[in-house]
N, C-alpha and C. Protein backbone atom coordinates (compact mmCIF):
# COMPACT_ATOMS: atom_id res chain seq x y z
N MET A 1 0.84 -1.18 0.00
CA MET A 1 0.00 0.00 0.00
C MET A 1 0.88 1.24 0.00
N SER A 2 0.47 2.23 -0.75
CA SER A 2 1.16 3.51 -0.77
C SER A 2 0.10 4.59 -0.89
N ASP A 3 0.13 5.60 -0.01
CA ASP A 3 -0.86 6.65 -0.11
C ASP A 3 -0.27 7.95 -0.63
N TYR A 4 0.90 7.91 -1.24
CA TYR A 4 1.54 9.11 -1.75
C TYR A 4 1.17 9.32 -3.21
N GLU A 5 0.73 10.53 -3.53
CA GLU A 5 0.50 10.91 -4.90
C GLU A 5 1.09 12.30 -5.09
N PRO A 6 2.20 12.42 -5.86
CA PRO A 6 2.83 13.72 -6.01
C PRO A 6 1.88 14.73 -6.63
N GLY A 7 1.92 15.94 -6.09
CA GLY A 7 1.14 17.03 -6.66
C GLY A 7 -0.32 17.04 -6.26
N VAL A 8 -0.77 16.02 -5.52
CA VAL A 8 -2.17 16.01 -5.10
C VAL A 8 -2.31 16.91 -3.90
N PRO A 9 -3.22 17.89 -3.98
CA PRO A 9 -3.39 18.80 -2.85
C PRO A 9 -3.93 18.07 -1.63
N THR A 10 -3.54 18.56 -0.47
CA THR A 10 -4.09 18.06 0.78
C THR A 10 -4.99 19.16 1.31
N GLY A 11 -5.60 18.99 2.46
CA GLY A 11 -6.56 19.95 3.01
C GLY A 11 -6.26 21.39 2.67
N GLY A 12 -7.27 22.13 2.22
CA GLY A 12 -7.10 23.54 1.92
C GLY A 12 -6.72 23.80 0.48
N GLY A 13 -6.52 22.77 -0.35
CA GLY A 13 -6.23 22.95 -1.75
C GLY A 13 -4.79 23.32 -2.06
N LEU A 14 -3.92 23.39 -1.06
CA LEU A 14 -2.52 23.72 -1.30
C LEU A 14 -1.69 22.44 -1.33
N PRO A 15 -0.64 22.40 -2.16
CA PRO A 15 0.22 21.21 -2.16
C PRO A 15 0.87 21.04 -0.79
N ASP A 16 1.00 19.81 -0.34
CA ASP A 16 1.61 19.52 0.95
C ASP A 16 3.10 19.78 0.87
N ARG A 17 3.58 20.69 1.72
CA ARG A 17 5.01 21.00 1.75
C ARG A 17 5.77 20.02 2.63
N ARG A 18 5.06 19.10 3.26
CA ARG A 18 5.69 18.05 4.07
C ARG A 18 5.18 16.72 3.54
N PRO A 19 5.76 16.25 2.42
CA PRO A 19 5.24 15.04 1.80
C PRO A 19 5.33 13.83 2.72
N ARG A 20 4.28 13.04 2.67
CA ARG A 20 4.18 11.81 3.46
C ARG A 20 4.04 10.62 2.52
N LEU A 21 4.48 9.48 2.99
CA LEU A 21 4.33 8.23 2.27
C LEU A 21 4.05 7.14 3.29
N THR A 22 3.00 6.38 3.08
CA THR A 22 2.69 5.26 3.95
C THR A 22 2.86 3.98 3.16
N LEU A 23 3.68 3.07 3.67
CA LEU A 23 3.95 1.80 2.99
C LEU A 23 3.68 0.63 3.92
N ASP A 24 3.17 -0.45 3.34
CA ASP A 24 3.12 -1.72 4.04
C ASP A 24 4.46 -2.40 3.78
N ILE A 25 5.21 -2.65 4.83
CA ILE A 25 6.51 -3.29 4.71
C ILE A 25 6.51 -4.55 5.57
N GLU A 26 7.62 -5.26 5.55
CA GLU A 26 7.74 -6.46 6.37
C GLU A 26 8.97 -6.38 7.25
N ARG A 27 8.80 -6.83 8.49
CA ARG A 27 9.94 -7.03 9.37
C ARG A 27 10.37 -8.47 9.18
N VAL A 28 11.64 -8.66 8.88
CA VAL A 28 12.18 -10.00 8.65
C VAL A 28 12.57 -10.58 10.00
N LEU A 29 11.87 -11.65 10.41
CA LEU A 29 12.13 -12.29 11.69
C LEU A 29 12.99 -13.54 11.55
N GLY A 30 13.00 -14.12 10.37
CA GLY A 30 13.77 -15.33 10.10
C GLY A 30 13.68 -15.65 8.62
N VAL A 31 14.19 -16.81 8.22
CA VAL A 31 14.21 -17.18 6.81
C VAL A 31 12.80 -17.16 6.22
N ARG A 32 11.84 -17.69 6.94
CA ARG A 32 10.47 -17.72 6.44
C ARG A 32 9.47 -16.95 7.31
N ALA A 33 9.94 -16.34 8.35
CA ALA A 33 9.04 -15.63 9.27
C ALA A 33 9.08 -14.13 9.00
N ARG A 34 7.91 -13.54 8.80
CA ARG A 34 7.79 -12.11 8.53
C ARG A 34 6.67 -11.53 9.39
N GLN A 35 6.76 -10.24 9.66
CA GLN A 35 5.72 -9.53 10.40
C GLN A 35 5.33 -8.31 9.58
N ALA A 36 4.03 -8.12 9.37
CA ALA A 36 3.54 -6.95 8.63
C ALA A 36 3.70 -5.71 9.50
N ILE A 37 4.24 -4.67 8.90
CA ILE A 37 4.48 -3.40 9.57
C ILE A 37 3.99 -2.28 8.65
N THR A 38 3.48 -1.22 9.23
CA THR A 38 3.18 -0.02 8.45
C THR A 38 4.28 0.99 8.75
N ALA A 39 4.84 1.56 7.69
CA ALA A 39 5.90 2.57 7.84
C ALA A 39 5.39 3.88 7.25
N GLY A 40 5.39 4.92 8.07
CA GLY A 40 4.99 6.25 7.61
C GLY A 40 6.22 7.12 7.47
N PHE A 41 6.52 7.54 6.24
CA PHE A 41 7.68 8.38 5.95
C PHE A 41 7.21 9.83 5.87
N LEU A 42 7.96 10.74 6.47
CA LEU A 42 7.63 12.16 6.45
C LEU A 42 8.90 12.96 6.16
N PHE A 43 8.79 13.87 5.20
CA PHE A 43 9.89 14.78 4.87
C PHE A 43 9.45 16.19 5.19
N ASP A 44 10.25 16.90 5.96
CA ASP A 44 9.96 18.29 6.31
C ASP A 44 11.03 19.16 5.65
N PRO A 45 10.67 20.00 4.67
CA PRO A 45 11.66 20.86 4.02
C PRO A 45 12.40 21.78 4.98
N ALA A 46 11.85 22.02 6.17
CA ALA A 46 12.54 22.85 7.17
C ALA A 46 13.68 22.09 7.83
N ALA A 47 13.68 20.76 7.72
CA ALA A 47 14.76 19.91 8.25
C ALA A 47 15.12 18.89 7.17
N PRO A 48 15.69 19.36 6.05
CA PRO A 48 15.81 18.53 4.85
C PRO A 48 16.88 17.44 4.87
N LEU A 49 17.69 17.39 5.88
CA LEU A 49 18.73 16.35 5.92
C LEU A 49 18.19 15.00 6.35
N VAL A 50 17.01 14.98 6.96
CA VAL A 50 16.48 13.72 7.51
C VAL A 50 15.07 13.44 7.01
N VAL A 51 14.74 12.16 7.07
CA VAL A 51 13.38 11.67 6.84
C VAL A 51 12.95 11.03 8.15
N SER A 52 11.78 11.37 8.63
CA SER A 52 11.23 10.73 9.82
C SER A 52 10.43 9.51 9.36
N VAL A 53 10.64 8.39 10.04
CA VAL A 53 9.92 7.16 9.71
C VAL A 53 9.29 6.62 10.98
N GLU A 54 7.97 6.46 10.94
CA GLU A 54 7.26 5.89 12.08
C GLU A 54 6.85 4.47 11.72
N PHE A 55 7.31 3.51 12.51
CA PHE A 55 7.00 2.10 12.30
C PHE A 55 5.88 1.72 13.26
N ALA A 56 4.87 1.01 12.74
CA ALA A 56 3.75 0.59 13.57
C ALA A 56 3.37 -0.84 13.22
N ALA A 57 3.38 -1.71 14.22
CA ALA A 57 2.91 -3.08 14.06
C ALA A 57 1.51 -3.16 14.65
N GLU A 58 0.69 -4.03 14.09
CA GLU A 58 -0.66 -4.20 14.62
C GLU A 58 -0.58 -4.56 16.10
N ALA A 59 -1.34 -3.85 16.90
CA ALA A 59 -1.40 -4.07 18.36
C ALA A 59 -0.04 -3.91 19.03
N GLY A 60 0.82 -3.11 18.42
CA GLY A 60 2.14 -2.90 19.01
C GLY A 60 2.44 -1.42 19.13
N PRO A 61 3.55 -1.09 19.73
CA PRO A 61 3.91 0.32 19.88
C PRO A 61 4.36 0.93 18.56
N ARG A 62 4.31 2.24 18.50
CA ARG A 62 4.84 2.98 17.35
C ARG A 62 6.26 3.41 17.70
N VAL A 63 7.13 3.33 16.73
CA VAL A 63 8.53 3.70 16.95
C VAL A 63 8.93 4.70 15.88
N LEU A 64 9.55 5.80 16.29
CA LEU A 64 9.96 6.85 15.37
C LEU A 64 11.48 6.85 15.23
N TRP A 65 11.95 6.83 13.98
CA TRP A 65 13.38 6.95 13.68
C TRP A 65 13.56 8.11 12.73
N ARG A 66 14.67 8.80 12.85
CA ARG A 66 15.05 9.83 11.89
C ARG A 66 16.27 9.30 11.14
N ILE A 67 16.12 9.25 9.83
CA ILE A 67 17.13 8.63 8.98
C ILE A 67 17.61 9.65 7.96
N GLY A 68 18.90 9.70 7.72
CA GLY A 68 19.45 10.62 6.72
C GLY A 68 18.81 10.38 5.36
N ARG A 69 18.34 11.46 4.74
CA ARG A 69 17.69 11.33 3.43
C ARG A 69 18.64 10.75 2.39
N ASP A 70 19.88 11.23 2.35
CA ASP A 70 20.85 10.71 1.38
C ASP A 70 21.17 9.25 1.65
N LEU A 71 21.28 8.87 2.92
CA LEU A 71 21.55 7.47 3.27
C LEU A 71 20.42 6.57 2.74
N LEU A 72 19.19 6.99 2.92
CA LEU A 72 18.04 6.22 2.45
C LEU A 72 18.04 6.13 0.94
N GLN A 73 18.27 7.25 0.26
CA GLN A 73 18.30 7.27 -1.21
C GLN A 73 19.40 6.34 -1.75
N GLU A 74 20.60 6.47 -1.23
CA GLU A 74 21.72 5.65 -1.72
C GLU A 74 21.48 4.17 -1.44
N GLY A 75 20.86 3.87 -0.30
CA GLY A 75 20.64 2.49 0.08
C GLY A 75 19.65 1.74 -0.81
N LEU A 76 18.86 2.44 -1.57
CA LEU A 76 17.95 1.75 -2.49
C LEU A 76 18.72 1.09 -3.62
N TYR A 77 19.96 1.55 -3.88
CA TYR A 77 20.72 1.08 -5.03
C TYR A 77 22.08 0.48 -4.69
N SER A 78 22.61 0.77 -3.48
CA SER A 78 23.89 0.22 -3.06
C SER A 78 23.96 0.27 -1.53
N MET A 79 24.93 -0.44 -0.96
CA MET A 79 25.07 -0.47 0.50
C MET A 79 25.30 0.95 1.01
N SER A 80 24.55 1.33 2.05
CA SER A 80 24.64 2.67 2.60
C SER A 80 24.47 2.61 4.11
N GLY A 81 25.23 3.45 4.79
CA GLY A 81 25.08 3.58 6.23
C GLY A 81 26.09 2.79 7.02
N LEU A 82 26.32 3.26 8.23
CA LEU A 82 27.19 2.60 9.19
C LEU A 82 26.51 2.69 10.54
N GLY A 83 26.81 1.79 11.42
CA GLY A 83 26.28 1.91 12.77
C GLY A 83 24.82 1.53 12.89
N ASP A 84 24.01 2.45 13.41
CA ASP A 84 22.63 2.15 13.76
C ASP A 84 21.68 2.00 12.58
N VAL A 85 21.98 2.61 11.46
CA VAL A 85 21.09 2.55 10.29
C VAL A 85 21.88 2.10 9.07
N ARG A 86 21.39 1.04 8.44
CA ARG A 86 21.99 0.55 7.20
C ARG A 86 20.88 0.21 6.22
N VAL A 87 21.08 0.54 4.95
CA VAL A 87 20.11 0.25 3.90
C VAL A 87 20.87 -0.28 2.70
N TRP A 88 20.31 -1.32 2.04
CA TRP A 88 20.96 -1.90 0.88
C TRP A 88 19.92 -2.63 0.02
N PRO A 89 20.21 -2.83 -1.28
CA PRO A 89 19.30 -3.58 -2.14
C PRO A 89 19.21 -5.03 -1.67
N ALA A 90 18.02 -5.62 -1.75
CA ALA A 90 17.84 -7.01 -1.32
C ALA A 90 18.54 -7.98 -2.27
N ALA A 91 18.59 -7.64 -3.55
CA ALA A 91 19.27 -8.47 -4.55
C ALA A 91 20.57 -7.79 -4.95
N PRO A 92 21.62 -8.57 -5.27
CA PRO A 92 22.91 -7.97 -5.62
C PRO A 92 22.85 -6.99 -6.80
N GLN A 93 21.95 -7.22 -7.75
CA GLN A 93 21.85 -6.35 -8.92
C GLN A 93 20.78 -5.28 -8.75
N GLY A 94 20.35 -5.03 -7.53
CA GLY A 94 19.27 -4.08 -7.30
C GLY A 94 17.94 -4.78 -7.50
N GLY A 95 16.88 -4.04 -7.69
CA GLY A 95 15.59 -4.66 -7.92
C GLY A 95 14.47 -3.90 -7.25
N THR A 96 13.43 -4.64 -6.91
CA THR A 96 12.22 -4.01 -6.41
C THR A 96 12.15 -3.92 -4.89
N THR A 97 13.11 -4.50 -4.18
CA THR A 97 13.09 -4.41 -2.72
C THR A 97 14.47 -4.04 -2.18
N ALA A 98 14.43 -3.39 -1.04
CA ALA A 98 15.66 -3.04 -0.33
C ALA A 98 15.49 -3.48 1.12
N ARG A 99 16.59 -3.61 1.81
CA ARG A 99 16.56 -3.98 3.22
C ARG A 99 17.06 -2.81 4.05
N MET A 100 16.48 -2.67 5.24
CA MET A 100 16.90 -1.64 6.18
C MET A 100 17.09 -2.30 7.54
N GLN A 101 18.28 -2.10 8.11
CA GLN A 101 18.54 -2.60 9.45
C GLN A 101 18.68 -1.42 10.39
N LEU A 102 17.91 -1.48 11.48
CA LEU A 102 17.97 -0.46 12.52
C LEU A 102 18.46 -1.13 13.79
N ALA A 103 19.45 -0.53 14.44
CA ALA A 103 20.01 -1.11 15.66
C ALA A 103 20.04 -0.06 16.76
N SER A 104 19.81 -0.53 17.97
CA SER A 104 19.88 0.32 19.14
C SER A 104 20.35 -0.54 20.30
N GLY A 105 21.51 -0.19 20.83
CA GLY A 105 22.06 -1.01 21.92
C GLY A 105 22.33 -2.43 21.41
N ASP A 106 21.78 -3.42 22.11
CA ASP A 106 22.00 -4.81 21.70
C ASP A 106 20.82 -5.37 20.91
N MET A 107 19.92 -4.51 20.44
CA MET A 107 18.76 -4.96 19.67
C MET A 107 18.86 -4.45 18.24
N ALA A 108 18.30 -5.23 17.31
CA ALA A 108 18.28 -4.82 15.91
C ALA A 108 17.00 -5.33 15.26
N ALA A 109 16.57 -4.63 14.22
CA ALA A 109 15.40 -5.05 13.45
C ALA A 109 15.75 -4.92 11.97
N LEU A 110 15.30 -5.89 11.19
CA LEU A 110 15.54 -5.91 9.75
C LEU A 110 14.20 -5.80 9.04
N PHE A 111 14.12 -4.86 8.08
CA PHE A 111 12.89 -4.62 7.34
C PHE A 111 13.14 -4.78 5.85
N GLU A 112 12.09 -5.14 5.12
CA GLU A 112 12.16 -5.19 3.67
C GLU A 112 11.21 -4.13 3.12
N LEU A 113 11.73 -3.27 2.24
CA LEU A 113 11.02 -2.10 1.73
C LEU A 113 10.80 -2.22 0.22
N PRO A 114 9.65 -1.80 -0.29
CA PRO A 114 9.46 -1.75 -1.75
C PRO A 114 10.17 -0.52 -2.33
N VAL A 115 11.05 -0.73 -3.29
CA VAL A 115 11.85 0.36 -3.83
C VAL A 115 11.04 1.34 -4.69
N PRO A 116 10.21 0.89 -5.65
CA PRO A 116 9.59 1.87 -6.57
C PRO A 116 8.82 3.01 -5.89
N PRO A 117 7.89 2.76 -4.96
CA PRO A 117 7.19 3.91 -4.38
C PRO A 117 8.09 4.78 -3.50
N LEU A 118 9.05 4.16 -2.83
CA LEU A 118 9.96 4.93 -1.99
C LEU A 118 10.88 5.79 -2.85
N ALA A 119 11.36 5.26 -3.96
CA ALA A 119 12.22 6.03 -4.86
C ALA A 119 11.47 7.21 -5.47
N THR A 120 10.22 7.01 -5.85
CA THR A 120 9.40 8.09 -6.41
C THR A 120 9.18 9.19 -5.38
N TRP A 121 8.85 8.77 -4.16
CA TRP A 121 8.63 9.73 -3.08
C TRP A 121 9.91 10.51 -2.76
N LEU A 122 11.04 9.81 -2.67
CA LEU A 122 12.31 10.49 -2.40
C LEU A 122 12.65 11.48 -3.51
N ALA A 123 12.38 11.11 -4.77
CA ALA A 123 12.63 12.03 -5.89
C ALA A 123 11.84 13.32 -5.69
N HIS A 124 10.60 13.20 -5.20
CA HIS A 124 9.80 14.40 -4.93
C HIS A 124 10.43 15.25 -3.84
N THR A 125 11.02 14.63 -2.81
CA THR A 125 11.66 15.42 -1.74
C THR A 125 12.86 16.17 -2.30
N TYR A 126 13.56 15.58 -3.27
CA TYR A 126 14.71 16.26 -3.88
C TYR A 126 14.26 17.37 -4.83
N GLU A 127 13.02 17.32 -5.32
CA GLU A 127 12.48 18.44 -6.08
C GLU A 127 12.20 19.62 -5.14
N LEU A 128 11.73 19.31 -3.94
CA LEU A 128 11.45 20.37 -2.96
C LEU A 128 12.72 21.01 -2.43
N VAL A 129 13.70 20.18 -2.08
CA VAL A 129 15.00 20.65 -1.58
C VAL A 129 16.07 19.84 -2.30
N PRO A 130 16.68 20.40 -3.34
CA PRO A 130 17.68 19.65 -4.10
C PRO A 130 18.89 19.24 -3.26
N ALA A 131 19.51 18.15 -3.68
CA ALA A 131 20.74 17.69 -3.03
C ALA A 131 21.78 18.80 -3.07
N GLY A 132 22.44 19.01 -1.96
CA GLY A 132 23.45 20.06 -1.86
C GLY A 132 22.89 21.41 -1.44
N GLN A 133 21.57 21.53 -1.40
CA GLN A 133 20.93 22.80 -1.01
C GLN A 133 20.31 22.74 0.38
N GLU A 134 20.50 21.63 1.09
CA GLU A 134 19.86 21.43 2.39
C GLU A 134 20.22 22.50 3.41
N LEU A 135 21.42 23.05 3.33
CA LEU A 135 21.87 24.04 4.31
C LEU A 135 21.97 25.45 3.71
N ALA A 136 21.39 25.64 2.53
CA ALA A 136 21.52 26.92 1.84
C ALA A 136 20.89 28.07 2.62
N GLY A 137 19.85 27.82 3.38
CA GLY A 137 19.17 28.89 4.09
C GLY A 137 19.68 29.14 5.50
N VAL A 138 20.74 28.46 5.89
CA VAL A 138 21.27 28.61 7.25
C VAL A 138 22.05 29.91 7.37
N ASP A 139 21.75 30.68 8.39
CA ASP A 139 22.51 31.90 8.70
C ASP A 139 23.70 31.45 9.57
N TRP A 140 24.84 31.24 8.94
CA TRP A 140 25.99 30.67 9.65
C TRP A 140 26.55 31.61 10.71
N ASP A 141 26.47 32.92 10.48
CA ASP A 141 26.94 33.87 11.49
C ASP A 141 26.09 33.76 12.76
N ALA A 142 24.78 33.73 12.59
CA ALA A 142 23.88 33.61 13.74
C ALA A 142 24.05 32.25 14.43
N THR A 143 24.26 31.21 13.64
CA THR A 143 24.45 29.88 14.20
C THR A 143 25.73 29.83 15.02
N ALA A 144 26.82 30.38 14.48
CA ALA A 144 28.09 30.40 15.20
C ALA A 144 27.98 31.25 16.46
N ALA A 145 27.32 32.38 16.38
CA ALA A 145 27.14 33.23 17.55
C ALA A 145 26.33 32.51 18.62
N GLY A 146 25.31 31.78 18.21
CA GLY A 146 24.51 31.02 19.16
C GLY A 146 25.30 29.94 19.85
N LEU A 147 26.20 29.31 19.12
CA LEU A 147 27.04 28.28 19.70
C LEU A 147 28.05 28.87 20.68
N LEU A 148 28.61 30.02 20.33
CA LEU A 148 29.63 30.63 21.16
C LEU A 148 29.07 31.34 22.38
N HIS A 149 27.90 31.93 22.24
CA HIS A 149 27.36 32.76 23.32
C HIS A 149 26.12 32.17 23.98
N GLY A 150 25.62 31.08 23.50
CA GLY A 150 24.42 30.48 24.06
C GLY A 150 23.19 31.26 23.68
N PRO A 151 22.04 30.81 24.13
CA PRO A 151 20.80 31.52 23.79
C PRO A 151 20.76 32.89 24.45
N ARG A 152 20.23 33.85 23.74
CA ARG A 152 20.11 35.21 24.26
C ARG A 152 18.63 35.62 24.23
N ALA A 153 18.29 36.45 25.16
CA ALA A 153 16.94 37.03 25.16
C ALA A 153 16.93 38.16 24.17
N HIS A 154 15.87 38.22 23.37
CA HIS A 154 15.72 39.30 22.39
C HIS A 154 14.93 40.43 23.02
N SER A 155 15.38 41.65 22.80
CA SER A 155 14.62 42.79 23.29
C SER A 155 14.12 43.61 22.11
N ASP A 156 12.98 44.24 22.31
CA ASP A 156 12.39 45.07 21.23
C ASP A 156 12.64 46.52 21.46
């Protein structure tokens, strides 16, 4: 299942500036054991370096992860990521599915993702904020001052 349609207006008739994608994915529990999971992907152009992904199993808790957008994009076609998040094609020559491993402490979960709808959705996020432009709007002087001097009260 995928509920993403590029260019389709959401409430109010305006295009959604925070594109969402809902996919039915599988958690790989063993060679033949799988668990159905719903994954909700959200891209916020105000924080364009990451994609938020909420995982929900039937009658289970919801878990939110923030994953690098570039890491996710690259992982659809080749091995990507180190440490807690890794994404790679399920077949050596690429194909219609990719795998994502999420680890935290001594626990890990492996998921299988459908590539075509995720790739289309990611392409739309790169139309909103092109690669290399994620930090174009950052005021580096103000950011550096904030780091050096801490938060300041503004007076009018």
